[in-house]
Amino acid sequence: MNTETTKTLAIGAVTGALVGAGVAVLVAPQQGAKARAKLAQVTELVREKGPMINEKGHEIAEKGQEVVGVLKESLSTAKDFKTEAQSAVGEVKSEIQDFKQSHNSTGSGPATM
């Protein structure tokens, strides 16, 4: 997921939460004046906190991108390690096979005393 998509999703989630809170205030069973007062409070809160929430959303999106980068790098390192380990195992198996064949072809077994 690219940075722009992540930022858009974060902003959309915050906006959706705020709109949902406003709708909840409107549909909650309260008297009209009380509901309007509550909505005015929520609106003022959104005006005050909206920019900060937006900024935090952008920060979270940026941190998410950093985490994705680190995870991709870690995955690449793990794949490289796996490849090297498989190669080393193959070499060891080959050495053991060669040793067994050379040991068996000379006809000499373990020395007994």
N, C-alpha and C. Protein backbone atom coordinates (compact mmCIF):
# COMPACT_ATOMS: atom_id res chain seq x y z
N MET A 1 0.86 -1.16 0.00
CA MET A 1 0.00 0.00 0.00
C MET A 1 0.91 1.23 0.00
N ASN A 2 0.65 2.18 -0.89
CA ASN A 2 1.52 3.34 -0.96
C ASN A 2 1.14 4.37 0.10
N THR A 3 2.00 5.36 0.26
CA THR A 3 1.83 6.36 1.30
C THR A 3 0.54 7.14 1.12
N GLU A 4 0.24 7.52 -0.08
CA GLU A 4 -0.95 8.33 -0.35
C GLU A 4 -2.22 7.56 0.00
N THR A 5 -2.25 6.28 -0.34
CA THR A 5 -3.42 5.46 -0.02
C THR A 5 -3.57 5.32 1.48
N THR A 6 -2.46 5.12 2.18
CA THR A 6 -2.50 4.98 3.64
C THR A 6 -3.01 6.25 4.29
N LYS A 7 -2.54 7.39 3.81
CA LYS A 7 -2.99 8.67 4.36
C LYS A 7 -4.47 8.87 4.10
N THR A 8 -4.92 8.54 2.91
CA THR A 8 -6.32 8.69 2.56
C THR A 8 -7.19 7.80 3.44
N LEU A 9 -6.74 6.57 3.67
CA LEU A 9 -7.50 5.66 4.53
C LEU A 9 -7.56 6.18 5.96
N ALA A 10 -6.46 6.71 6.47
CA ALA A 10 -6.43 7.23 7.84
C ALA A 10 -7.37 8.42 7.97
N ILE A 11 -7.32 9.32 7.01
CA ILE A 11 -8.18 10.50 7.04
C ILE A 11 -9.65 10.07 6.92
N GLY A 12 -9.92 9.12 6.05
CA GLY A 12 -11.28 8.61 5.89
C GLY A 12 -11.81 7.96 7.16
N ALA A 13 -10.95 7.22 7.85
CA ALA A 13 -11.38 6.57 9.09
C ALA A 13 -11.71 7.60 10.16
N VAL A 14 -10.87 8.63 10.29
CA VAL A 14 -11.12 9.67 11.28
C VAL A 14 -12.39 10.44 10.93
N THR A 15 -12.53 10.79 9.67
CA THR A 15 -13.73 11.51 9.23
C THR A 15 -14.98 10.68 9.48
N GLY A 16 -14.92 9.41 9.16
CA GLY A 16 -16.06 8.52 9.38
C GLY A 16 -16.43 8.43 10.85
N ALA A 17 -15.43 8.37 11.71
CA ALA A 17 -15.71 8.31 13.15
C ALA A 17 -16.39 9.59 13.62
N LEU A 18 -15.93 10.72 13.13
CA LEU A 18 -16.52 11.99 13.53
C LEU A 18 -17.96 12.13 13.02
N VAL A 19 -18.18 11.74 11.77
CA VAL A 19 -19.53 11.80 11.21
C VAL A 19 -20.44 10.85 11.98
N GLY A 20 -19.93 9.67 12.29
CA GLY A 20 -20.71 8.70 13.05
C GLY A 20 -21.10 9.24 14.42
N ALA A 21 -20.18 9.94 15.06
CA ALA A 21 -20.49 10.54 16.37
C ALA A 21 -21.60 11.59 16.23
N GLY A 22 -21.52 12.38 15.18
CA GLY A 22 -22.55 13.39 14.95
C GLY A 22 -23.91 12.77 14.70
N VAL A 23 -23.95 11.72 13.91
CA VAL A 23 -25.21 11.04 13.62
C VAL A 23 -25.76 10.40 14.89
N ALA A 24 -24.89 9.83 15.70
CA ALA A 24 -25.32 9.21 16.95
C ALA A 24 -25.99 10.24 17.86
N VAL A 25 -25.42 11.44 17.88
CA VAL A 25 -26.01 12.50 18.70
C VAL A 25 -27.40 12.86 18.17
N LEU A 26 -27.53 12.92 16.85
CA LEU A 26 -28.81 13.30 16.26
C LEU A 26 -29.90 12.25 16.47
N VAL A 27 -29.57 10.99 16.43
CA VAL A 27 -30.58 9.95 16.52
C VAL A 27 -30.82 9.47 17.95
N ALA A 28 -29.99 9.90 18.88
CA ALA A 28 -30.20 9.51 20.28
C ALA A 28 -31.48 10.16 20.78
N PRO A 29 -32.25 9.43 21.58
CA PRO A 29 -33.53 9.98 22.06
C PRO A 29 -33.31 11.08 23.11
N GLN A 30 -33.36 12.31 22.66
CA GLN A 30 -33.23 13.47 23.53
C GLN A 30 -34.19 14.54 23.03
N GLN A 31 -34.42 15.51 23.88
CA GLN A 31 -35.27 16.61 23.45
C GLN A 31 -34.51 17.44 22.42
N GLY A 32 -35.24 18.12 21.55
CA GLY A 32 -34.66 18.88 20.45
C GLY A 32 -33.60 19.87 20.88
N ALA A 33 -33.87 20.70 21.86
CA ALA A 33 -32.89 21.72 22.29
C ALA A 33 -31.65 21.06 22.87
N LYS A 34 -31.86 20.01 23.63
CA LYS A 34 -30.74 19.31 24.23
C LYS A 34 -29.87 18.66 23.14
N ALA A 35 -30.54 18.09 22.13
CA ALA A 35 -29.81 17.46 21.02
C ALA A 35 -29.03 18.50 20.23
N ARG A 36 -29.62 19.65 19.99
CA ARG A 36 -28.91 20.71 19.25
C ARG A 36 -27.70 21.21 20.04
N ALA A 37 -27.87 21.33 21.35
CA ALA A 37 -26.75 21.77 22.20
C ALA A 37 -25.63 20.74 22.16
N LYS A 38 -26.00 19.49 22.24
CA LYS A 38 -25.00 18.42 22.19
C LYS A 38 -24.29 18.42 20.84
N LEU A 39 -25.04 18.59 19.76
CA LEU A 39 -24.45 18.64 18.43
C LEU A 39 -23.51 19.83 18.30
N ALA A 40 -23.88 20.96 18.88
CA ALA A 40 -23.02 22.15 18.85
C ALA A 40 -21.72 21.86 19.59
N GLN A 41 -21.79 21.13 20.69
CA GLN A 41 -20.58 20.78 21.43
C GLN A 41 -19.68 19.87 20.60
N VAL A 42 -20.29 18.89 19.97
CA VAL A 42 -19.53 17.96 19.13
C VAL A 42 -18.89 18.71 17.96
N THR A 43 -19.65 19.61 17.35
CA THR A 43 -19.14 20.39 16.22
C THR A 43 -17.95 21.24 16.66
N GLU A 44 -18.06 21.86 17.80
CA GLU A 44 -16.95 22.68 18.32
C GLU A 44 -15.74 21.82 18.62
N LEU A 45 -15.98 20.65 19.18
CA LEU A 45 -14.89 19.73 19.46
C LEU A 45 -14.18 19.31 18.17
N VAL A 46 -14.95 19.04 17.13
CA VAL A 46 -14.37 18.67 15.84
C VAL A 46 -13.54 19.82 15.29
N ARG A 47 -14.05 21.04 15.41
CA ARG A 47 -13.30 22.20 14.92
C ARG A 47 -11.98 22.35 15.67
N GLU A 48 -12.02 22.12 16.97
CA GLU A 48 -10.82 22.27 17.78
C GLU A 48 -9.83 21.14 17.55
N LYS A 49 -10.33 19.94 17.56
CA LYS A 49 -9.46 18.76 17.53
C LYS A 49 -9.23 18.20 16.14
N GLY A 50 -10.02 18.60 15.17
CA GLY A 50 -9.91 18.07 13.81
C GLY A 50 -8.52 18.18 13.22
N PRO A 51 -7.90 19.37 13.25
CA PRO A 51 -6.56 19.48 12.68
C PRO A 51 -5.53 18.59 13.39
N MET A 52 -5.65 18.50 14.73
CA MET A 52 -4.73 17.65 15.47
C MET A 52 -4.95 16.18 15.09
N ILE A 53 -6.22 15.77 14.97
CA ILE A 53 -6.52 14.40 14.60
C ILE A 53 -6.00 14.11 13.19
N ASN A 54 -6.16 15.07 12.30
CA ASN A 54 -5.66 14.93 10.94
C ASN A 54 -4.14 14.76 10.95
N GLU A 55 -3.46 15.59 11.72
CA GLU A 55 -2.00 15.52 11.82
C GLU A 55 -1.56 14.17 12.38
N LYS A 56 -2.25 13.72 13.43
CA LYS A 56 -1.92 12.42 14.03
C LYS A 56 -2.17 11.29 13.03
N GLY A 57 -3.22 11.43 12.24
CA GLY A 57 -3.49 10.43 11.21
C GLY A 57 -2.36 10.34 10.21
N HIS A 58 -1.83 11.50 9.82
CA HIS A 58 -0.69 11.52 8.89
C HIS A 58 0.54 10.91 9.55
N GLU A 59 0.76 11.22 10.82
CA GLU A 59 1.92 10.65 11.53
C GLU A 59 1.80 9.14 11.61
N ILE A 60 0.59 8.66 11.91
CA ILE A 60 0.38 7.21 11.99
C ILE A 60 0.63 6.56 10.63
N ALA A 61 0.17 7.21 9.58
CA ALA A 61 0.38 6.67 8.23
C ALA A 61 1.87 6.61 7.91
N GLU A 62 2.62 7.65 8.27
CA GLU A 62 4.06 7.66 8.02
C GLU A 62 4.76 6.56 8.81
N LYS A 63 4.38 6.41 10.08
CA LYS A 63 4.98 5.34 10.91
C LYS A 63 4.65 3.98 10.32
N GLY A 64 3.42 3.84 9.82
CA GLY A 64 3.04 2.59 9.19
C GLY A 64 3.91 2.27 7.99
N GLN A 65 4.22 3.28 7.20
CA GLN A 65 5.09 3.08 6.05
C GLN A 65 6.50 2.69 6.49
N GLU A 66 6.97 3.29 7.57
CA GLU A 66 8.29 2.93 8.10
C GLU A 66 8.31 1.47 8.53
N VAL A 67 7.25 1.05 9.22
CA VAL A 67 7.16 -0.33 9.68
C VAL A 67 7.12 -1.28 8.49
N VAL A 68 6.37 -0.93 7.47
CA VAL A 68 6.30 -1.76 6.26
C VAL A 68 7.69 -1.89 5.64
N GLY A 69 8.43 -0.78 5.59
CA GLY A 69 9.79 -0.82 5.03
C GLY A 69 10.70 -1.74 5.83
N VAL A 70 10.63 -1.64 7.15
CA VAL A 70 11.47 -2.48 8.00
C VAL A 70 11.09 -3.95 7.84
N LEU A 71 9.78 -4.22 7.77
CA LEU A 71 9.34 -5.60 7.59
C LEU A 71 9.79 -6.18 6.25
N LYS A 72 9.72 -5.36 5.20
CA LYS A 72 10.17 -5.84 3.89
C LYS A 72 11.67 -6.14 3.92
N GLU A 73 12.43 -5.27 4.56
CA GLU A 73 13.88 -5.47 4.67
C GLU A 73 14.18 -6.74 5.48
N SER A 74 13.46 -6.93 6.57
CA SER A 74 13.64 -8.12 7.41
C SER A 74 13.30 -9.39 6.65
N LEU A 75 12.23 -9.33 5.88
CA LEU A 75 11.84 -10.49 5.09
C LEU A 75 12.90 -10.82 4.05
N SER A 76 13.45 -9.80 3.43
CA SER A 76 14.50 -10.01 2.45
C SER A 76 15.73 -10.65 3.10
N THR A 77 16.09 -10.16 4.28
CA THR A 77 17.23 -10.72 5.00
C THR A 77 16.97 -12.17 5.37
N ALA A 78 15.75 -12.47 5.83
CA ALA A 78 15.40 -13.84 6.19
C ALA A 78 15.47 -14.76 4.98
N LYS A 79 15.00 -14.28 3.83
CA LYS A 79 15.06 -15.09 2.61
C LYS A 79 16.51 -15.36 2.22
N ASP A 80 17.36 -14.32 2.33
CA ASP A 80 18.78 -14.51 2.02
C ASP A 80 19.41 -15.53 2.96
N PHE A 81 19.08 -15.44 4.24
CA PHE A 81 19.62 -16.38 5.22
C PHE A 81 19.16 -17.80 4.90
N LYS A 82 17.89 -17.95 4.53
CA LYS A 82 17.36 -19.27 4.19
C LYS A 82 18.11 -19.86 3.00
N THR A 83 18.34 -19.04 1.99
CA THR A 83 19.05 -19.50 0.80
C THR A 83 20.46 -19.95 1.16
N GLU A 84 21.14 -19.14 1.97
CA GLU A 84 22.51 -19.49 2.38
C GLU A 84 22.52 -20.75 3.23
N ALA A 85 21.55 -20.90 4.12
CA ALA A 85 21.47 -22.08 4.97
C ALA A 85 21.21 -23.33 4.13
N GLN A 86 20.32 -23.22 3.15
CA GLN A 86 20.04 -24.36 2.28
C GLN A 86 21.29 -24.75 1.48
N SER A 87 22.01 -23.77 1.03
CA SER A 87 23.24 -24.03 0.29
C SER A 87 24.26 -24.73 1.18
N ALA A 88 24.42 -24.25 2.40
CA ALA A 88 25.36 -24.85 3.34
C ALA A 88 24.97 -26.29 3.66
N VAL A 89 23.69 -26.53 3.86
CA VAL A 89 23.20 -27.88 4.14
C VAL A 89 23.52 -28.79 2.95
N GLY A 90 23.28 -28.31 1.76
CA GLY A 90 23.59 -29.09 0.56
C GLY A 90 25.07 -29.43 0.47
N GLU A 91 25.91 -28.46 0.79
CA GLU A 91 27.37 -28.70 0.75
C GLU A 91 27.77 -29.74 1.80
N VAL A 92 27.21 -29.64 2.99
CA VAL A 92 27.53 -30.60 4.04
C VAL A 92 27.08 -32.00 3.63
N LYS A 93 25.88 -32.11 3.09
CA LYS A 93 25.38 -33.41 2.63
C LYS A 93 26.30 -33.99 1.57
N SER A 94 26.73 -33.13 0.65
CA SER A 94 27.62 -33.58 -0.41
C SER A 94 28.95 -34.06 0.15
N GLU A 95 29.49 -33.33 1.10
CA GLU A 95 30.77 -33.71 1.73
C GLU A 95 30.63 -35.06 2.45
N ILE A 96 29.49 -35.23 3.15
CA ILE A 96 29.26 -36.49 3.86
C ILE A 96 29.15 -37.63 2.87
N GLN A 97 28.43 -37.40 1.78
CA GLN A 97 28.27 -38.43 0.73
C GLN A 97 29.64 -38.78 0.14
N ASP A 98 30.42 -37.76 -0.18
CA ASP A 98 31.76 -38.01 -0.74
C ASP A 98 32.62 -38.80 0.24
N PHE A 99 32.54 -38.43 1.52
CA PHE A 99 33.33 -39.11 2.54
C PHE A 99 32.93 -40.58 2.63
N LYS A 100 31.61 -40.82 2.64
CA LYS A 100 31.12 -42.20 2.73
C LYS A 100 31.58 -43.01 1.52
N GLN A 101 31.47 -42.40 0.34
CA GLN A 101 31.85 -43.12 -0.88
C GLN A 101 33.35 -43.41 -0.89
N SER A 102 34.14 -42.46 -0.52
CA SER A 102 35.59 -42.68 -0.54
C SER A 102 35.99 -43.66 0.55
N HIS A 103 35.29 -43.63 1.66
CA HIS A 103 35.61 -44.53 2.76
C HIS A 103 35.20 -45.96 2.42
N ASN A 104 34.05 -46.10 1.76
CA ASN A 104 33.57 -47.43 1.37
C ASN A 104 34.36 -47.99 0.20
N SER A 105 34.84 -47.16 -0.70
CA SER A 105 35.55 -47.65 -1.88
C SER A 105 36.95 -48.11 -1.54
N THR A 106 37.53 -47.61 -0.47
CA THR A 106 38.87 -48.06 -0.09
C THR A 106 38.80 -49.37 0.64
N GLY A 107 37.62 -49.76 1.07
CA GLY A 107 37.44 -51.04 1.71
C GLY A 107 37.90 -51.04 3.15
N SER A 108 38.33 -49.93 3.61
CA SER A 108 38.78 -49.90 5.00
C SER A 108 37.63 -49.45 5.89
N GLY A 109 37.43 -50.20 6.89
CA GLY A 109 36.41 -49.88 7.86
C GLY A 109 37.06 -49.25 9.06
N PRO A 110 36.34 -49.13 10.10
CA PRO A 110 36.94 -48.57 11.30
C PRO A 110 38.01 -49.51 11.83
N ALA A 111 39.05 -48.97 12.30
CA ALA A 111 40.17 -49.76 12.81
C ALA A 111 39.76 -50.37 14.14
N THR A 112 40.07 -51.67 14.27
CA THR A 112 39.79 -52.34 15.52
C THR A 112 41.09 -52.76 16.16
N MET A 113 41.14 -52.71 17.40
CA MET A 113 42.37 -53.10 18.10
C MET A 113 42.11 -54.19 19.05
